[in-house]
Structure formats: structure tokens, C-alpha cells
């Protein structure tokens, strides 16, 4: 009998399958949040606000990439010796003669 996946396990699996999308969403939300925060600070030039938002987004992107690398490392270490590309191949196989 198959146990249902926990919420954390399904999130981890989604992140493993969609690494670039995850990093992109984190970057976009990071820059949007940083711009919103910086715009609420009075007395800053617009150019300084944009530079700060970019720096915050870059730091968040590096953290997201490190997190994606950690997830990939964990997944690679704990994966069975099954073929990682099996899900992309047709189930009935195919001949190279075709």
C-alpha cells in the first residue's frame, strides 16, 4: 500500500521538478517586495531605491540557487539507483532503427 505524500514532500518534489521557475518566482517576489519597502522610505533618491532593490533581489537569488542546489544534492543522495530519465522515455521503448 502506498502512503500519501506529506505536504513538505510534495513541495520538495515540485521544487525539484521546477527549479528555475522556483528561483524566478523568488527573484520576482524579492524585487517586488524590496521595491515596495524602499518606496516607503522617505528621503532616498529613486536611483538608490532601485539599486537597493536589485541588490536585495540578487542576494535572494543566490539564496534560492543555494537552496535548489541543496535540494538537488539531497535528492541525488537519497534517490534509488533507478534511471533518472526513465519518466521521459516511452513506456514501450523504441528502436534506434526507426
PDB file of N, CA and C in Angstrom:
ATOM      1  N   UNK A   1       0.836  -1.176   0.000  1.00  0.00           N
ATOM      2  CA  UNK A   1       0.000   0.000   0.000  1.00  0.00           C
ATOM      3  C   UNK A   1       0.885   1.245   0.000  1.00  0.00           C
ATOM      4  N   UNK A   2       0.508   2.232  -0.763  1.00  0.00           N
ATOM      5  CA  UNK A   2       1.304   3.452  -0.899  1.00  0.00           C
ATOM      6  C   UNK A   2       0.810   4.494   0.098  1.00  0.00           C
ATOM      7  N   UNK A   3       1.761   5.050   0.834  1.00  0.00           N
ATOM      8  CA  UNK A   3       1.401   6.101   1.787  1.00  0.00           C
ATOM      9  C   UNK A   3       1.221   7.417   1.048  1.00  0.00           C
ATOM     10  N   UNK A   4       0.263   8.244   1.490  1.00  0.00           N
ATOM     11  CA  UNK A   4       0.123   9.557   0.852  1.00  0.00           C
ATOM     12  C   UNK A   4       1.326  10.437   1.204  1.00  0.00           C
ATOM     13  N   UNK A   5       1.704  11.297   0.270  1.00  0.00           N
ATOM     14  CA  UNK A   5       2.848  12.179   0.485  1.00  0.00           C
ATOM     15  C   UNK A   5       2.477  13.298   1.445  1.00  0.00           C
ATOM     16  N   UNK A   6       3.442  13.669   2.260  1.00  0.00           N
ATOM     17  CA  UNK A   6       3.208  14.797   3.154  1.00  0.00           C
ATOM     18  C   UNK A   6       3.290  16.090   2.347  1.00  0.00           C
ATOM     19  N   UNK A   7       2.833  17.172   2.944  1.00  0.00           N
ATOM     20  CA  UNK A   7       2.843  18.468   2.274  1.00  0.00           C
ATOM     21  C   UNK A   7       4.285  18.880   1.946  1.00  0.00           C
ATOM     22  N   UNK A   8       5.201  18.675   2.883  1.00  0.00           N
ATOM     23  CA  UNK A   8       6.597  19.041   2.668  1.00  0.00           C
ATOM     24  C   UNK A   8       7.199  18.210   1.541  1.00  0.00           C
ATOM     25  N   UNK A   9       6.884  16.931   1.496  1.00  0.00           N
ATOM     26  CA  UNK A   9       7.408  16.055   0.448  1.00  0.00           C
ATOM     27  C   UNK A   9       6.887  16.470  -0.918  1.00  0.00           C
ATOM     28  N   UNK A  10       5.600  16.822  -1.024  1.00  0.00           N
ATOM     29  CA  UNK A  10       5.085  17.246  -2.325  1.00  0.00           C
ATOM     30  C   UNK A  10       5.661  18.588  -2.752  1.00  0.00           C
ATOM     31  N   UNK A  11       5.914  19.490  -1.796  1.00  0.00           N
ATOM     32  CA  UNK A  11       6.550  20.771  -2.134  1.00  0.00           C
ATOM     33  C   UNK A  11       7.982  20.521  -2.598  1.00  0.00           C
ATOM     34  N   UNK A  12       8.717  19.655  -1.903  1.00  0.00           N
ATOM     35  CA  UNK A  12      10.090  19.341  -2.282  1.00  0.00           C
ATOM     36  C   UNK A  12      10.138  18.738  -3.688  1.00  0.00           C
ATOM     37  N   UNK A  13       9.210  17.856  -3.971  1.00  0.00           N
ATOM     38  CA  UNK A  13       9.159  17.227  -5.282  1.00  0.00           C
ATOM     39  C   UNK A  13       8.873  18.255  -6.375  1.00  0.00           C
ATOM     40  N   UNK A  14       7.961  19.202  -6.103  1.00  0.00           N
ATOM     41  CA  UNK A  14       7.647  20.246  -7.079  1.00  0.00           C
ATOM     42  C   UNK A  14       8.874  21.127  -7.317  1.00  0.00           C
ATOM     43  N   UNK A  15       9.598  21.481  -6.243  1.00  0.00           N
ATOM     44  CA  UNK A  15      10.794  22.315  -6.378  1.00  0.00           C
ATOM     45  C   UNK A  15      11.863  21.582  -7.191  1.00  0.00           C
ATOM     46  N   UNK A  16      12.013  20.285  -6.966  1.00  0.00           N
ATOM     47  CA  UNK A  16      12.995  19.506  -7.724  1.00  0.00           C
ATOM     48  C   UNK A  16      12.639  19.516  -9.213  1.00  0.00           C
ATOM     49  N   UNK A  17      11.364  19.413  -9.532  1.00  0.00           N
ATOM     50  CA  UNK A  17      10.938  19.378 -10.933  1.00  0.00           C
ATOM     51  C   UNK A  17      10.919  20.759 -11.589  1.00  0.00           C
ATOM     52  N   UNK A  18      10.831  21.828 -10.795  1.00  0.00           N
ATOM     53  CA  UNK A  18      10.692  23.188 -11.337  1.00  0.00           C
ATOM     54  C   UNK A  18      11.696  24.143 -10.683  1.00  0.00           C
ATOM     55  N   UNK A  19      12.963  23.817 -10.742  1.00  0.00           N
ATOM     56  CA  UNK A  19      13.989  24.618 -10.075  1.00  0.00           C
ATOM     57  C   UNK A  19      14.058  26.044 -10.614  1.00  0.00           C
ATOM     58  N   UNK A  20      14.133  26.194 -11.922  1.00  0.00           N
ATOM     59  CA  UNK A  20      14.269  27.529 -12.497  1.00  0.00           C
ATOM     60  C   UNK A  20      13.024  28.372 -12.261  1.00  0.00           C
ATOM     61  N   UNK A  21      11.864  27.773 -12.343  1.00  0.00           N
ATOM     62  CA  UNK A  21      10.630  28.502 -12.076  1.00  0.00           C
ATOM     63  C   UNK A  21      10.594  28.970 -10.624  1.00  0.00           C
ATOM     64  N   UNK A  22      11.058  28.134  -9.710  1.00  0.00           N
ATOM     65  CA  UNK A  22      11.102  28.496  -8.297  1.00  0.00           C
ATOM     66  C   UNK A  22      12.044  29.665  -8.061  1.00  0.00           C
ATOM     67  N   UNK A  23      13.238  29.593  -8.643  1.00  0.00           N
ATOM     68  CA  UNK A  23      14.210  30.684  -8.485  1.00  0.00           C
ATOM     69  C   UNK A  23      13.665  31.966  -9.108  1.00  0.00           C
ATOM     70  N   UNK A  24      13.053  31.872 -10.277  1.00  0.00           N
ATOM     71  CA  UNK A  24      12.482  33.055 -10.927  1.00  0.00           C
ATOM     72  C   UNK A  24      11.369  33.687 -10.113  1.00  0.00           C
ATOM     73  N   UNK A  25      10.501  32.873  -9.550  1.00  0.00           N
ATOM     74  CA  UNK A  25       9.412  33.410  -8.714  1.00  0.00           C
ATOM     75  C   UNK A  25       9.952  34.059  -7.446  1.00  0.00           C
ATOM     76  N   UNK A  26      10.961  33.442  -6.846  1.00  0.00           N
ATOM     77  CA  UNK A  26      11.575  34.053  -5.670  1.00  0.00           C
ATOM     78  C   UNK A  26      12.240  35.379  -6.016  1.00  0.00           C
ATOM     79  N   UNK A  27      12.909  35.427  -7.153  1.00  0.00           N
ATOM     80  CA  UNK A  27      13.559  36.665  -7.570  1.00  0.00           C
ATOM     81  C   UNK A  27      12.523  37.753  -7.812  1.00  0.00           C
ATOM     82  N   UNK A  28      11.455  37.424  -8.527  1.00  0.00           N
ATOM     83  CA  UNK A  28      10.419  38.406  -8.828  1.00  0.00           C
ATOM     84  C   UNK A  28       9.743  38.907  -7.564  1.00  0.00           C
ATOM     85  N   UNK A  29       9.405  38.001  -6.655  1.00  0.00           N
ATOM     86  CA  UNK A  29       8.775  38.435  -5.403  1.00  0.00           C
ATOM     87  C   UNK A  29       9.763  39.218  -4.544  1.00  0.00           C
ATOM     88  N   UNK A  30      11.043  38.852  -4.593  1.00  0.00           N
ATOM     89  CA  UNK A  30      12.057  39.585  -3.829  1.00  0.00           C
ATOM     90  C   UNK A  30      12.232  41.003  -4.316  1.00  0.00           C
ATOM     91  N   UNK A  31      12.302  41.173  -5.633  1.00  0.00           N
ATOM     92  CA  UNK A  31      12.478  42.529  -6.143  1.00  0.00           C
ATOM     93  C   UNK A  31      11.214  43.359  -5.937  1.00  0.00           C
ATOM     94  N   UNK A  32      10.045  42.739  -6.062  1.00  0.00           N
ATOM     95  CA  UNK A  32       8.794  43.486  -5.820  1.00  0.00           C
ATOM     96  C   UNK A  32       8.694  43.908  -4.353  1.00  0.00           C
ATOM     97  N   UNK A  33       9.020  42.997  -3.440  1.00  0.00           N
ATOM     98  CA  UNK A  33       8.983  43.348  -2.018  1.00  0.00           C
ATOM     99  C   UNK A  33      10.016  44.392  -1.660  1.00  0.00           C
ATOM    100  N   UNK A  34      11.184  44.306  -2.244  1.00  0.00           N
ATOM    101  CA  UNK A  34      12.234  45.278  -1.962  1.00  0.00           C
ATOM    102  C   UNK A  34      11.877  46.655  -2.503  1.00  0.00           C
ATOM    103  N   UNK A  35      11.308  46.701  -3.705  1.00  0.00           N
ATOM    104  CA  UNK A  35      10.873  47.990  -4.251  1.00  0.00           C
ATOM    105  C   UNK A  35       9.771  48.580  -3.379  1.00  0.00           C
ATOM    106  N   UNK A  36       8.828  47.745  -2.956  1.00  0.00           N
ATOM    107  CA  UNK A  36       7.754  48.244  -2.091  1.00  0.00           C
ATOM    108  C   UNK A  36       8.316  48.776  -0.775  1.00  0.00           C
ATOM    109  N   UNK A  37       9.275  48.071  -0.206  1.00  0.00           N
ATOM    110  CA  UNK A  37       9.887  48.533   1.047  1.00  0.00           C
ATOM    111  C   UNK A  37      10.667  49.825   0.834  1.00  0.00           C
ATOM    112  N   UNK A  38      11.477  49.864  -0.206  1.00  0.00           N
ATOM    113  CA  UNK A  38      12.296  51.051  -0.450  1.00  0.00           C
ATOM    114  C   UNK A  38      11.455  52.278  -0.790  1.00  0.00           C
ATOM    115  N   UNK A  39      10.325  52.084  -1.465  1.00  0.00           N
ATOM    116  CA  UNK A  39       9.479  53.223  -1.798  1.00  0.00           C
ATOM    117  C   UNK A  39       8.804  53.805  -0.562  1.00  0.00           C
ATOM    118  N   UNK A  40       8.707  53.010   0.492  1.00  0.00           N
ATOM    119  CA  UNK A  40       8.106  53.525   1.724  1.00  0.00           C
ATOM    120  C   UNK A  40       9.113  54.315   2.561  1.00  0.00           C
ATOM    121  N   UNK A  41      10.390  54.272   2.177  1.00  0.00           N
ATOM    122  CA  UNK A  41      11.431  55.007   2.899  1.00  0.00           C
ATOM    123  C   UNK A  41      11.569  56.408   2.312  1.00  0.00           C
ATOM    124  N   UNK A  42      11.256  57.439   3.099  1.00  0.00           N
ATOM    125  CA  UNK A  42      11.375  58.807   2.576  1.00  0.00           C
ATOM    126  C   UNK A  42      12.848  59.243   2.549  1.00  0.00           C
ATOM    127  N   UNK A  43      13.136  60.200   1.712  1.00  0.00           N
ATOM    128  CA  UNK A  43      14.463  60.799   1.685  1.00  0.00           C
ATOM    129  C   UNK A  43      15.492  60.057   0.857  1.00  0.00           C
ATOM    130  N   UNK A  44      15.093  59.048   0.070  1.00  0.00           N
ATOM    131  CA  UNK A  44      16.028  58.333  -0.807  1.00  0.00           C
ATOM    132  C   UNK A  44      15.754  58.724  -2.251  1.00  0.00           C
ATOM    133  N   UNK A  45      16.819  58.825  -3.027  1.00  0.00           N
ATOM    134  CA  UNK A  45      16.648  59.064  -4.449  1.00  0.00           C
ATOM    135  C   UNK A  45      16.079  57.802  -5.096  1.00  0.00           C
ATOM    136  N   UNK A  46      15.389  57.983  -6.201  1.00  0.00           N
ATOM    137  CA  UNK A  46      14.803  56.849  -6.914  1.00  0.00           C
ATOM    138  C   UNK A  46      15.881  55.877  -7.377  1.00  0.00           C
ATOM    139  N   UNK A  47      16.997  56.404  -7.853  1.00  0.00           N
ATOM    140  CA  UNK A  47      18.075  55.523  -8.326  1.00  0.00           C
ATOM    141  C   UNK A  47      18.624  54.663  -7.189  1.00  0.00           C
ATOM    142  N   UNK A  48      18.727  55.218  -5.989  1.00  0.00           N
ATOM    143  CA  UNK A  48      19.213  54.462  -4.831  1.00  0.00           C
ATOM    144  C   UNK A  48      18.199  53.382  -4.450  1.00  0.00           C
ATOM    145  N   UNK A  49      16.923  53.699  -4.533  1.00  0.00           N
ATOM    146  CA  UNK A  49      15.880  52.718  -4.232  1.00  0.00           C
ATOM    147  C   UNK A  49      15.958  51.531  -5.197  1.00  0.00           C
ATOM    148  N   UNK A  50      16.174  51.819  -6.478  1.00  0.00           N
ATOM    149  CA  UNK A  50      16.256  50.755  -7.479  1.00  0.00           C
ATOM    150  C   UNK A  50      17.511  49.918  -7.261  1.00  0.00           C
ATOM    151  N   UNK A  51      18.621  50.571  -6.942  1.00  0.00           N
ATOM    152  CA  UNK A  51      19.866  49.835  -6.692  1.00  0.00           C
ATOM    153  C   UNK A  51      19.716  48.924  -5.483  1.00  0.00           C
ATOM    154  N   UNK A  52      19.094  49.415  -4.418  1.00  0.00           N
ATOM    155  CA  UNK A  52      18.873  48.590  -3.230  1.00  0.00           C
ATOM    156  C   UNK A  52      17.967  47.405  -3.548  1.00  0.00           C
ATOM    157  N   UNK A  53      16.925  47.643  -4.325  1.00  0.00           N
ATOM    158  CA  UNK A  53      16.012  46.557  -4.699  1.00  0.00           C
ATOM    159  C   UNK A  53      16.753  45.500  -5.506  1.00  0.00           C
ATOM    160  N   UNK A  54      17.621  45.928  -6.420  1.00  0.00           N
ATOM    161  CA  UNK A  54      18.394  44.977  -7.220  1.00  0.00           C
ATOM    162  C   UNK A  54      19.357  44.173  -6.361  1.00  0.00           C
ATOM    163  N   UNK A  55      20.010  44.824  -5.422  1.00  0.00           N
ATOM    164  CA  UNK A  55      20.934  44.113  -4.534  1.00  0.00           C
ATOM    165  C   UNK A  55      20.204  43.097  -3.664  1.00  0.00           C
ATOM    166  N   UNK A  56      19.033  43.481  -3.148  1.00  0.00           N
ATOM    167  CA  UNK A  56      18.242  42.542  -2.347  1.00  0.00           C
ATOM    168  C   UNK A  56      17.804  41.351  -3.195  1.00  0.00           C
ATOM    169  N   UNK A  57      17.383  41.617  -4.426  1.00  0.00           N
ATOM    170  CA  UNK A  57      16.945  40.532  -5.301  1.00  0.00           C
ATOM    171  C   UNK A  57      18.110  39.604  -5.654  1.00  0.00           C
ATOM    172  N   UNK A  58      19.297  40.164  -5.853  1.00  0.00           N
ATOM    173  CA  UNK A  58      20.450  39.315  -6.148  1.00  0.00           C
ATOM    174  C   UNK A  58      20.793  38.414  -4.968  1.00  0.00           C
ATOM    175  N   UNK A  59      20.732  38.964  -3.766  1.00  0.00           N
ATOM    176  CA  UNK A  59      21.012  38.152  -2.574  1.00  0.00           C
ATOM    177  C   UNK A  59      19.974  37.039  -2.432  1.00  0.00           C
ATOM    178  N   UNK A  60      18.726  37.368  -2.674  1.00  0.00           N
ATOM    179  CA  UNK A  60      17.667  36.359  -2.586  1.00  0.00           C
ATOM    180  C   UNK A  60      17.840  35.296  -3.668  1.00  0.00           C
ATOM    181  N   UNK A  61      18.273  35.698  -4.856  1.00  0.00           N
ATOM    182  CA  UNK A  61      18.507  34.739  -5.932  1.00  0.00           C
ATOM    183  C   UNK A  61      19.634  33.780  -5.577  1.00  0.00           C
ATOM    184  N   UNK A  62      20.711  34.309  -5.023  1.00  0.00           N
ATOM    185  CA  UNK A  62      21.807  33.435  -4.599  1.00  0.00           C
ATOM    186  C   UNK A  62      21.345  32.449  -3.532  1.00  0.00           C
ATOM    187  N   UNK A  63      20.525  32.923  -2.589  1.00  0.00           N
ATOM    188  CA  UNK A  63      20.000  32.029  -1.556  1.00  0.00           C
ATOM    189  C   UNK A  63      19.094  30.966  -2.177  1.00  0.00           C
ATOM    190  N   UNK A  64      18.271  31.352  -3.151  1.00  0.00           N
ATOM    191  CA  UNK A  64      17.386  30.396  -3.810  1.00  0.00           C
ATOM    192  C   UNK A  64      18.184  29.370  -4.607  1.00  0.00           C
ATOM    193  N   UNK A  65      19.248  29.813  -5.286  1.00  0.00           N
ATOM    194  CA  UNK A  65      20.087  28.874  -6.030  1.00  0.00           C
ATOM    195  C   UNK A  65      20.800  27.909  -5.084  1.00  0.00           C
ATOM    196  N   UNK A  66      21.257  28.418  -3.944  1.00  0.00           N
ATOM    197  CA  UNK A  66      21.889  27.545  -2.954  1.00  0.00           C
ATOM    198  C   UNK A  66      20.873  26.543  -2.412  1.00  0.00           C
ATOM    199  N   UNK A  67      19.650  26.999  -2.184  1.00  0.00           N
ATOM    200  CA  UNK A  67      18.598  26.092  -1.726  1.00  0.00           C
ATOM    201  C   UNK A  67      18.259  25.037  -2.764  1.00  0.00           C
ATOM    202  N   UNK A  68      18.194  25.435  -4.045  1.00  0.00           N
ATOM    203  CA  UNK A  68      17.917  24.475  -5.112  1.00  0.00           C
ATOM    204  C   UNK A  68      19.052  23.464  -5.227  1.00  0.00           C
ATOM    205  N   UNK A  69      20.291  23.935  -5.042  1.00  0.00           N
ATOM    206  CA  UNK A  69      21.435  23.018  -5.076  1.00  0.00           C
ATOM    207  C   UNK A  69      21.370  22.033  -3.913  1.00  0.00           C
ATOM    208  N   UNK A  70      20.973  22.510  -2.741  1.00  0.00           N
ATOM    209  CA  UNK A  70      20.849  21.629  -1.579  1.00  0.00           C
ATOM    210  C   UNK A  70      19.761  20.582  -1.801  1.00  0.00           C
ATOM    211  N   UNK A  71      18.635  20.996  -2.386  1.00  0.00           N
ATOM    212  CA  UNK A  71      17.554  20.059  -2.680  1.00  0.00           C
ATOM    213  C   UNK A  71      18.026  19.020  -3.697  1.00  0.00           C
ATOM    214  N   UNK A  72      18.748  19.471  -4.720  1.00  0.00           N
ATOM    215  CA  UNK A  72      19.255  18.542  -5.727  1.00  0.00           C
ATOM    216  C   UNK A  72      20.252  17.566  -5.116  1.00  0.00           C
ATOM    217  N   UNK A  73      21.131  18.057  -4.259  1.00  0.00           N
ATOM    218  CA  UNK A  73      22.116  17.200  -3.595  1.00  0.00           C
ATOM    219  C   UNK A  73      21.415  16.165  -2.718  1.00  0.00           C
ATOM    220  N   UNK A  74      20.434  16.619  -1.929  1.00  0.00           N
ATOM    221  CA  UNK A  74      19.669  15.716  -1.069  1.00  0.00           C
ATOM    222  C   UNK A  74      18.941  14.671  -1.904  1.00  0.00           C
ATOM    223  N   UNK A  75      18.333  15.118  -2.996  1.00  0.00           N
ATOM    224  CA  UNK A  75      17.587  14.210  -3.855  1.00  0.00           C
ATOM    225  C   UNK A  75      18.529  13.193  -4.517  1.00  0.00           C
ATOM    226  N   UNK A  76      19.690  13.647  -4.928  1.00  0.00           N
ATOM    227  CA  UNK A  76      20.657  12.759  -5.572  1.00  0.00           C
ATOM    228  C   UNK A  76      21.194  11.717  -4.589  1.00  0.00           C
ATOM    229  N   UNK A  77      21.451  12.116  -3.365  1.00  0.00           N
ATOM    230  CA  UNK A  77      21.983  11.187  -2.360  1.00  0.00           C
ATOM    231  C   UNK A  77      20.956  10.161  -1.916  1.00  0.00           C
ATOM    232  N   UNK A  78      19.681  10.548  -1.869  1.00  0.00           N
ATOM    233  CA  UNK A  78      18.649   9.668  -1.336  1.00  0.00           C
ATOM    234  C   UNK A  78      17.825   8.966  -2.410  1.00  0.00           C
ATOM    235  N   UNK A  79      18.163   9.199  -3.680  1.00  0.00           N
ATOM    236  CA  UNK A  79      17.426   8.575  -4.764  1.00  0.00           C
ATOM    237  C   UNK A  79      17.891   7.131  -4.917  1.00  0.00           C
ATOM    238  N   UNK A  80      16.979   6.290  -5.264  1.00  0.00           N
ATOM    239  CA  UNK A  80      17.347   4.897  -5.555  1.00  0.00           C
ATOM    240  C   UNK A  80      18.188   4.878  -6.828  1.00  0.00           C
ATOM    241  N   UNK A  81      18.776   3.780  -7.118  1.00  0.00           N
ATOM    242  CA  UNK A  81      19.639   3.672  -8.290  1.00  0.00           C
ATOM    243  C   UNK A  81      18.845   3.572  -9.590  1.00  0.00           C
ATOM    244  N   UNK A  82      17.615   3.999  -9.580  1.00  0.00           N
ATOM    245  CA  UNK A  82      16.786   3.947 -10.775  1.00  0.00           C
ATOM    246  C   UNK A  82      17.287   4.974 -11.794  1.00  0.00           C
ATOM    247  N   UNK A  83      16.918   4.769 -13.044  1.00  0.00           N
ATOM    248  CA  UNK A  83      17.304   5.677 -14.112  1.00  0.00           C
ATOM    249  C   UNK A  83      16.552   6.999 -13.930  1.00  0.00           C
ATOM    250  N   UNK A  84      17.247   8.132 -13.770  1.00  0.00           N
ATOM    251  CA  UNK A  84      16.556   9.402 -13.536  1.00  0.00           C
ATOM    252  C   UNK A  84      15.802   9.898 -14.766  1.00  0.00           C
ATOM    253  N   UNK A  85      16.097   9.341 -15.944  1.00  0.00           N
ATOM    254  CA  UNK A  85      15.443   9.798 -17.163  1.00  0.00           C
ATOM    255  C   UNK A  85      14.329   8.867 -17.610  1.00  0.00           C
ATOM    256  N   UNK A  86      14.036   7.862 -16.810  1.00  0.00           N
ATOM    257  CA  UNK A  86      13.027   6.873 -17.203  1.00  0.00           C
ATOM    258  C   UNK A  86      11.658   7.505 -17.409  1.00  0.00           C
ATOM    259  N   UNK A  87      11.330   8.541 -16.654  1.00  0.00           N
ATOM    260  CA  UNK A  87       9.996   9.130 -16.792  1.00  0.00           C
ATOM    261  C   UNK A  87       9.836   9.889 -18.107  1.00  0.00           C
ATOM    262  N   UNK A  88      10.954  10.188 -18.799  1.00  0.00           N
ATOM    263  CA  UNK A  88      10.890  10.909 -20.058  1.00  0.00           C
ATOM    264  C   UNK A  88      10.879   9.983 -21.268  1.00  0.00           C
ATOM    265  N   UNK A  89      11.126   8.703 -21.049  1.00  0.00           N
ATOM    266  CA  UNK A  89      11.171   7.747 -22.140  1.00  0.00           C
ATOM    267  C   UNK A  89       9.821   7.075 -22.318  1.00  0.00           C
ATOM    268  N   UNK A  90       9.482   6.664 -23.546  1.00  0.00           N
ATOM    269  CA  UNK A  90       8.210   5.970 -23.747  1.00  0.00           C
ATOM    270  C   UNK A  90       8.206   4.634 -23.007  1.00  0.00           C
ATOM    271  N   UNK A  91       7.043   4.255 -22.517  1.00  0.00           N
ATOM    272  CA  UNK A  91       6.923   3.042 -21.702  1.00  0.00           C
ATOM    273  C   UNK A  91       7.202   1.783 -22.519  1.00  0.00           C
ATOM    274  N   UNK A  92       6.816   1.777 -23.798  1.00  0.00           N
ATOM    275  CA  UNK A  92       7.005   0.566 -24.610  1.00  0.00           C
ATOM    276  C   UNK A  92       8.396   0.506 -25.243  1.00  0.00           C
ATOM    277  N   UNK A  93       9.201   1.515 -25.018  1.00  0.00           N
ATOM    278  CA  UNK A  93      10.536   1.531 -25.616  1.00  0.00           C
ATOM    279  C   UNK A  93      10.448   1.879 -27.095  1.00  0.00           C
ATOM    280  N   UNK A  94      11.592   2.018 -27.725  1.00  0.00           N
ATOM    281  CA  UNK A  94      11.604   2.293 -29.147  1.00  0.00           C
ATOM    282  C   UNK A  94      12.915   1.755 -29.721  1.00  0.00           C
ATOM    283  N   UNK A  95      12.891   1.565 -30.997  1.00  0.00           N
ATOM    284  CA  UNK A  95      14.054   1.021 -31.669  1.00  0.00           C
ATOM    285  C   UNK A  95      14.853   2.150 -32.308  1.00  0.00           C
ATOM    286  N   UNK A  96      16.156   2.026 -32.313  1.00  0.00           N
ATOM    287  CA  UNK A  96      17.001   3.024 -32.952  1.00  0.00           C
ATOM    288  C   UNK A  96      17.000   2.853 -34.467  1.00  0.00           C
ATOM    289  N   UNK A  97      16.392   1.769 -34.921  1.00  0.00           N
ATOM    290  CA  UNK A  97      16.326   1.510 -36.369  1.00  0.00           C
ATOM    291  C   UNK A  97      15.308   2.406 -37.054  1.00  0.00           C
ATOM    292  N   UNK A  98      14.337   2.904 -36.308  1.00  0.00           N
ATOM    293  CA  UNK A  98      13.263   3.712 -36.903  1.00  0.00           C
ATOM    294  C   UNK A  98      13.767   5.030 -37.402  1.00  0.00           C
TER     295      UNK A  98
END
